[in-house]
Protein backbone atom coordinates (compact mmCIF):
# COMPACT_ATOMS: atom_id res chain seq x y z
CA MET A 1 63.23 153.21 155.38
CA SER A 2 60.15 153.36 153.61
CA LEU A 3 59.62 151.69 150.18
CA ALA A 4 59.16 154.77 148.38
CA GLY A 5 62.52 156.02 150.24
CA ARG A 6 64.19 152.91 149.06
CA ARG A 7 62.96 153.05 145.35
CA ARG A 8 64.51 156.83 145.39
CA VAL A 9 67.94 155.85 146.59
CA GLN A 10 68.17 153.18 143.98
CA LEU A 11 66.64 155.18 141.09
CA ALA A 12 69.22 158.09 142.39
CA LEU A 13 72.22 155.18 142.25
CA LEU A 14 71.27 154.01 138.93
CA LEU A 15 71.02 157.75 137.54
CA THR A 16 74.58 159.26 139.07
CA PRO A 17 76.55 157.83 136.56
CA VAL A 18 74.56 158.31 133.69
CA SER A 19 74.28 162.00 134.84
CA LEU A 20 78.14 162.15 135.89
CA PHE A 21 78.89 161.12 132.61
CA PHE A 22 76.42 163.72 130.46
CA ALA A 23 77.89 166.51 132.79
CA VAL A 24 81.28 165.87 132.51
CA PHE A 25 81.30 164.77 128.48
CA PHE A 26 78.34 166.84 127.40
CA LEU A 27 77.18 169.88 129.60
CA GLY A 28 81.42 170.59 130.26
CA PRO A 29 82.40 170.96 126.89
CA LEU A 30 79.13 172.70 125.67
CA THR A 31 80.05 175.31 128.21
CA ILE A 32 83.48 175.43 127.38
CA MET A 33 82.18 176.50 123.90
CA ILE A 34 79.46 179.16 125.13
CA VAL A 35 82.03 180.74 126.87
CA THR A 36 84.92 180.82 124.52
CA SER A 37 82.44 182.20 121.62
CA PHE A 38 82.01 185.21 123.72
CA LEU A 39 85.71 185.81 124.12
CA ALA A 40 88.53 187.75 122.00
CA PRO A 41 90.71 185.74 119.74
CA GLY A 42 94.74 185.55 120.56
CA LEU A 43 96.91 187.06 118.06
CA TYR A 44 98.55 183.98 117.49
CA GLY A 45 95.82 181.64 118.62
CA GLY A 46 93.68 180.38 121.45
CA VAL A 47 91.85 183.22 123.37
CA GLU A 48 91.73 186.78 125.24
CA TRP A 49 89.69 186.66 128.30
CA VAL A 50 87.95 189.63 127.36
CA PHE A 51 84.36 189.96 126.33
CA TYR A 52 83.81 190.00 122.62
CA PRO A 53 80.29 189.39 121.38
CA HIS A 54 81.69 190.57 117.68
CA ASN A 55 82.41 186.74 117.13
CA TYR A 56 78.87 186.47 116.17
CA GLY A 57 78.59 189.80 114.60
CA ARG A 58 80.97 188.29 111.79
CA ILE A 59 78.06 186.02 111.10
CA LEU A 60 74.65 188.46 111.68
CA GLY A 61 76.24 191.83 110.47
CA PHE A 62 77.45 193.57 113.62
CA ALA A 63 81.39 193.05 113.26
CA ASP A 64 83.76 195.09 115.12
CA PRO A 65 84.54 198.19 112.96
CA ALA A 66 87.92 198.81 114.74
CA PHE A 67 89.36 195.48 113.00
CA GLU A 68 87.06 194.34 110.37
CA VAL A 69 84.17 195.46 108.09
CA PHE A 70 81.22 192.95 107.83
CA ASP A 71 81.79 190.39 105.22
CA PRO A 72 78.69 188.64 103.91
CA VAL A 73 80.48 185.73 103.20
CA TYR A 74 80.08 183.80 106.30
CA LEU A 75 76.40 184.38 106.04
CA SER A 76 76.12 183.10 102.78
CA ILE A 77 77.78 180.00 104.05
CA PHE A 78 75.32 179.45 106.69
CA LEU A 79 72.33 179.85 104.15
CA ARG A 80 73.79 177.81 102.13
CA SER A 81 74.20 174.98 104.70
CA LEU A 82 70.34 175.46 105.52
CA LYS A 83 69.96 174.76 101.72
CA ILE A 84 71.86 172.25 101.39
CA ALA A 85 70.65 170.29 104.66
CA ALA A 86 67.03 171.13 103.49
CA PHE A 87 67.50 169.79 99.91
CA THR A 88 68.64 166.55 101.75
CA VAL A 89 65.70 166.29 103.60
CA ILE A 90 63.19 166.53 100.66
CA ALA A 91 65.24 164.21 98.34
CA THR A 92 65.67 161.58 101.06
CA LEU A 93 61.88 161.68 102.25
CA PHE A 94 61.40 161.51 98.47
CA VAL A 95 63.23 158.49 98.28
CA CYS A 96 62.20 156.80 101.42
CA TYR A 97 58.28 157.56 101.77
CA PRO A 98 57.34 155.17 98.88
CA ALA A 99 59.84 152.65 99.62
CA ALA A 100 58.41 152.34 103.35
CA PHE A 101 54.82 151.97 101.66
CA CYS A 102 56.37 149.38 99.63
CA ILE A 103 58.52 147.31 102.21
CA ALA A 104 55.60 147.49 104.68
CA ARG A 105 53.18 145.33 102.63
CA LEU A 106 56.04 143.10 101.66
CA SER A 107 56.10 139.42 103.94
CA GLU A 108 58.10 139.16 107.03
CA ARG A 109 60.82 137.52 105.38
CA TRP A 110 61.49 139.71 102.63
CA LYS A 111 60.69 142.62 105.09
CA ASN A 112 63.33 141.61 107.29
CA PHE A 113 65.91 141.31 104.15
CA CYS A 114 64.88 144.61 102.70
CA LEU A 115 65.78 146.55 106.29
CA PHE A 116 68.96 144.70 106.43
CA LEU A 117 69.73 145.91 102.90
CA ILE A 118 68.33 149.49 103.97
CA THR A 119 71.19 149.20 107.16
CA LEU A 120 74.13 147.13 104.97
CA PRO A 121 76.09 150.52 104.01
CA PHE A 122 76.86 151.39 108.08
CA PHE A 123 79.24 148.19 107.78
CA THR A 124 81.30 150.14 105.26
CA SER A 125 83.63 152.88 105.90
CA LEU A 126 82.03 156.16 105.15
CA ILE A 127 85.23 157.72 103.49
CA VAL A 128 85.41 154.34 101.00
CA ARG A 129 81.76 155.03 100.46
CA LEU A 130 82.18 158.70 99.35
CA PHE A 131 85.48 158.24 97.28
CA ILE A 132 83.04 155.86 95.22
CA TRP A 133 80.88 158.47 94.13
CA VAL A 134 84.02 160.37 93.37
CA LEU A 135 84.64 157.43 90.77
CA ILE A 136 81.46 157.76 89.49
CA LEU A 137 80.56 161.62 89.38
CA ARG A 138 84.44 162.60 88.14
CA GLN A 139 85.39 164.00 84.71
CA THR A 140 86.52 160.81 83.55
CA GLY A 141 83.82 158.75 86.01
CA ILE A 142 81.69 156.23 85.04
CA VAL A 143 78.45 158.74 84.28
CA ASN A 144 80.51 161.11 81.80
CA GLU A 145 82.12 158.07 80.07
CA ALA A 146 79.04 156.63 79.43
CA LEU A 147 77.25 159.75 78.18
CA LEU A 148 80.47 160.33 76.09
CA ALA A 149 80.47 157.25 74.53
CA GLY A 150 76.51 157.34 73.83
CA GLY A 151 76.84 160.71 72.25
CA ILE A 152 74.70 162.32 74.45
CA ILE A 153 77.40 164.93 75.45
CA ASP A 154 80.17 166.39 73.86
CA ARG A 155 82.61 166.82 76.79
CA PRO A 156 82.45 165.95 80.51
CA LEU A 157 79.80 167.32 82.60
CA GLU A 158 80.68 168.98 85.72
CA LEU A 159 79.27 166.83 88.56
CA ILE A 160 81.74 166.74 91.41
CA TYR A 161 82.46 169.48 93.24
CA THR A 162 78.98 171.23 93.23
CA ASP A 163 76.43 171.81 95.23
CA GLY A 164 74.37 168.53 93.71
CA ALA A 165 77.32 166.73 94.35
CA ILE A 166 76.83 167.35 97.92
CA VAL A 167 73.20 166.72 98.33
CA LEU A 168 73.69 163.18 96.34
CA GLY A 169 76.30 162.41 98.87
CA MET A 170 74.28 163.39 101.82
CA VAL A 171 71.05 161.54 100.49
CA TYR A 172 73.02 158.56 100.07
CA ILE A 173 74.51 158.56 103.58
CA PHE A 174 71.38 159.77 105.37
CA ILE A 175 68.62 157.42 103.93
CA PRO A 176 68.69 154.75 106.77
CA PHE A 177 68.25 157.61 109.05
CA MET A 178 64.51 158.79 107.34
CA PHE A 179 63.67 155.60 106.41
CA MET A 180 63.67 153.73 109.72
CA PRO A 181 61.33 156.67 111.63
CA VAL A 182 58.92 156.88 108.39
CA TYR A 183 58.80 153.20 107.95
CA ALA A 184 57.71 152.56 111.95
CA SER A 185 54.76 155.49 111.34
CA VAL A 186 54.19 153.30 107.90
CA GLU A 187 53.75 150.04 109.52
CA LYS A 188 51.53 151.12 112.12
CA LEU A 189 49.36 152.87 109.82
CA ASP A 190 45.52 151.48 110.38
CA TRP A 191 44.62 150.55 106.85
CA THR A 192 41.08 149.99 107.76
CA LEU A 193 40.79 153.93 108.04
CA VAL A 194 42.35 154.34 104.30
CA ARG A 195 39.67 151.71 103.25
CA ALA A 196 36.52 153.36 104.90
CA SER A 197 37.88 156.58 103.30
CA LEU A 198 38.03 155.11 99.77
CA ASP A 199 34.62 153.17 100.24
CA LEU A 200 32.95 156.54 101.46
CA GLY A 201 34.01 158.09 98.24
CA ALA A 202 37.43 160.33 99.09
CA GLY A 203 39.65 159.61 95.95
CA PRO A 204 43.25 158.31 96.38
CA ILE A 205 44.73 162.13 96.75
CA ARG A 206 42.31 163.06 99.27
CA THR A 207 42.52 159.87 101.51
CA PHE A 208 46.31 160.54 101.12
CA VAL A 209 45.90 163.75 102.08
CA ARG A 210 43.37 163.57 104.97
CA ILE A 211 44.40 160.07 106.24
CA ILE A 212 47.42 158.93 105.18
CA LEU A 213 49.52 161.82 105.62
CA PRO A 214 48.40 162.99 108.75
CA LEU A 215 49.07 159.36 110.29
CA THR A 216 52.33 159.20 108.97
CA ALA A 217 53.24 162.74 109.85
CA PRO A 218 55.52 161.88 113.00
CA GLY A 219 57.80 159.52 111.41
CA ILE A 220 57.95 162.20 108.43
CA ALA A 221 58.92 164.60 111.12
CA GLY A 222 61.24 162.36 113.21
CA GLY A 223 63.10 161.50 110.17
CA ALA A 224 63.21 165.57 108.98
CA ILE A 225 64.93 166.25 112.38
CA ILE A 226 67.13 163.59 112.16
CA VAL A 227 68.38 163.99 108.90
CA PHE A 228 68.66 167.86 109.16
CA ILE A 229 70.71 168.28 112.12
CA PRO A 230 73.80 166.10 111.27
CA ALA A 231 73.42 167.76 107.26
CA LEU A 232 73.53 170.98 108.51
CA GLY A 233 77.24 170.26 110.23
CA ASN A 234 78.39 167.74 107.99
CA PHE A 235 81.88 168.40 107.04
CA VAL A 236 83.00 164.91 105.46
CA VAL A 237 80.92 165.31 102.52
CA PRO A 238 81.56 168.53 101.50
CA ALA A 239 85.18 167.99 102.04
CA VAL A 240 85.26 164.99 99.48
CA LEU A 241 82.52 165.84 97.11
CA GLY A 242 82.68 169.72 97.18
CA GLY A 243 86.72 169.76 97.20
CA ALA A 244 87.67 173.31 97.56
CA LYS A 245 84.98 174.89 95.80
CA VAL A 246 81.69 174.61 98.06
CA MET A 247 82.12 175.66 101.67
CA MET A 248 79.60 174.81 104.45
CA LEU A 249 79.26 175.14 108.08
CA GLY A 250 81.01 172.12 108.86
CA ASN A 251 84.03 172.87 107.04
CA LEU A 252 84.30 176.42 108.29
CA ILE A 253 84.06 175.23 111.43
CA GLU A 254 87.11 172.81 111.15
CA GLN A 255 88.99 175.44 109.58
CA GLN A 256 88.58 178.23 112.31
CA PHE A 257 89.54 175.47 114.72
CA LEU A 258 92.51 173.66 112.83
CA SER A 259 93.76 176.18 110.60
CA ALA A 260 92.82 179.67 111.46
CA ARG A 261 93.08 178.63 115.19
CA ASN A 262 90.21 181.32 115.68
CA TRP A 263 88.54 179.22 118.56
CA PRO A 264 86.17 182.25 119.37
CA PHE A 265 84.82 182.39 115.97
CA GLY A 266 84.66 178.40 115.56
CA SER A 267 82.41 178.55 118.62
CA ALA A 268 80.23 181.49 117.73
CA LEU A 269 79.77 179.05 114.38
CA ALA A 270 79.32 176.12 116.26
CA MET A 271 76.66 177.82 118.50
CA MET A 272 75.11 178.92 115.54
CA VAL A 273 74.36 175.60 114.51
CA MET A 274 73.53 174.20 118.02
CA SER A 275 70.59 177.10 117.88
CA VAL A 276 69.24 176.07 115.07
CA MET A 277 68.73 172.29 116.21
CA LEU A 278 67.24 173.65 119.31
CA VAL A 279 64.56 175.48 117.25
CA LEU A 280 64.07 172.46 115.37
CA LEU A 281 63.80 170.37 118.36
CA PHE A 282 61.57 172.69 120.55
CA ILE A 283 59.07 173.04 117.41
CA TYR A 284 59.10 169.13 117.16
CA VAL A 285 58.54 168.78 120.77
CA VAL A 286 55.80 171.51 120.85
CA ALA A 287 53.75 169.75 117.99
CA SER A 288 54.25 166.45 119.58
CA GLY A 289 52.52 167.71 122.34
CA ARG A 290 49.83 169.43 120.43
CA ARG A 291 49.28 166.17 118.43
CA GLY A 292 49.25 164.12 121.51
CA ALA A 293 46.56 166.58 123.16
CA ASP A 294 44.36 166.16 120.25
CA VAL A 295 44.18 162.38 120.20
CA MET A 296 43.61 162.72 123.81
CA ASN A 297 40.83 164.79 123.05
């Protein structure tokens, strides 16, 4: 056997376990989810092996007229989830972008210390951290008590169980996911280009728009994707900080699988989330390829 043939065999042996694991534990469940989303729901749970595209119709507007009327509540939940996920991306970027510049200019010792602080929340339970926010935001919480004691308000504010509380919890959780890719881009920033732009007469705003922002755009795009995708399907934060007042896609999917036992509709909702994720990833890959081609040219 030639050297190239032996290398192909070695590569195949190395990739086979990973490929089998990927096929069994990712492609297998995904295929089951896709097939289930096009089946009819059973009367007492489960599925009936009948082609039934109206699971998607309950979301998009072509519900089965024989059994139900289109209810826009599912579409509104889908749009609200998109809105909250988008606000989460914007808020985390607003926090992480200037912080990345500040930390990137520190000495190596303080830089490593700050990076450790950014990742420190991962060492604590997510549920514990979210319930701390419940203690802070509830009507008898720290914020309302401080405002009442200072005479700023006459009665407690509705801070918890709102869209704002969910966005706040999401931002708190996903800050590390946005910070890391943004920080990687900022740390690789060529500051000689920035100084050259300023020396040639460009103001700070023009330098930021024409030099800094394009060079850090890959980190911004990567962080936005990493934050938006889990924020769209998150169900823990809405369950804790949204209560029964704010429903998101993750909570609706959980409800359909566990409480309503409508597995086909839950699968259709999950595939809608997956479709949004795939579209975003496709846009990111295409944009990255075009950016790389422009750099090469």
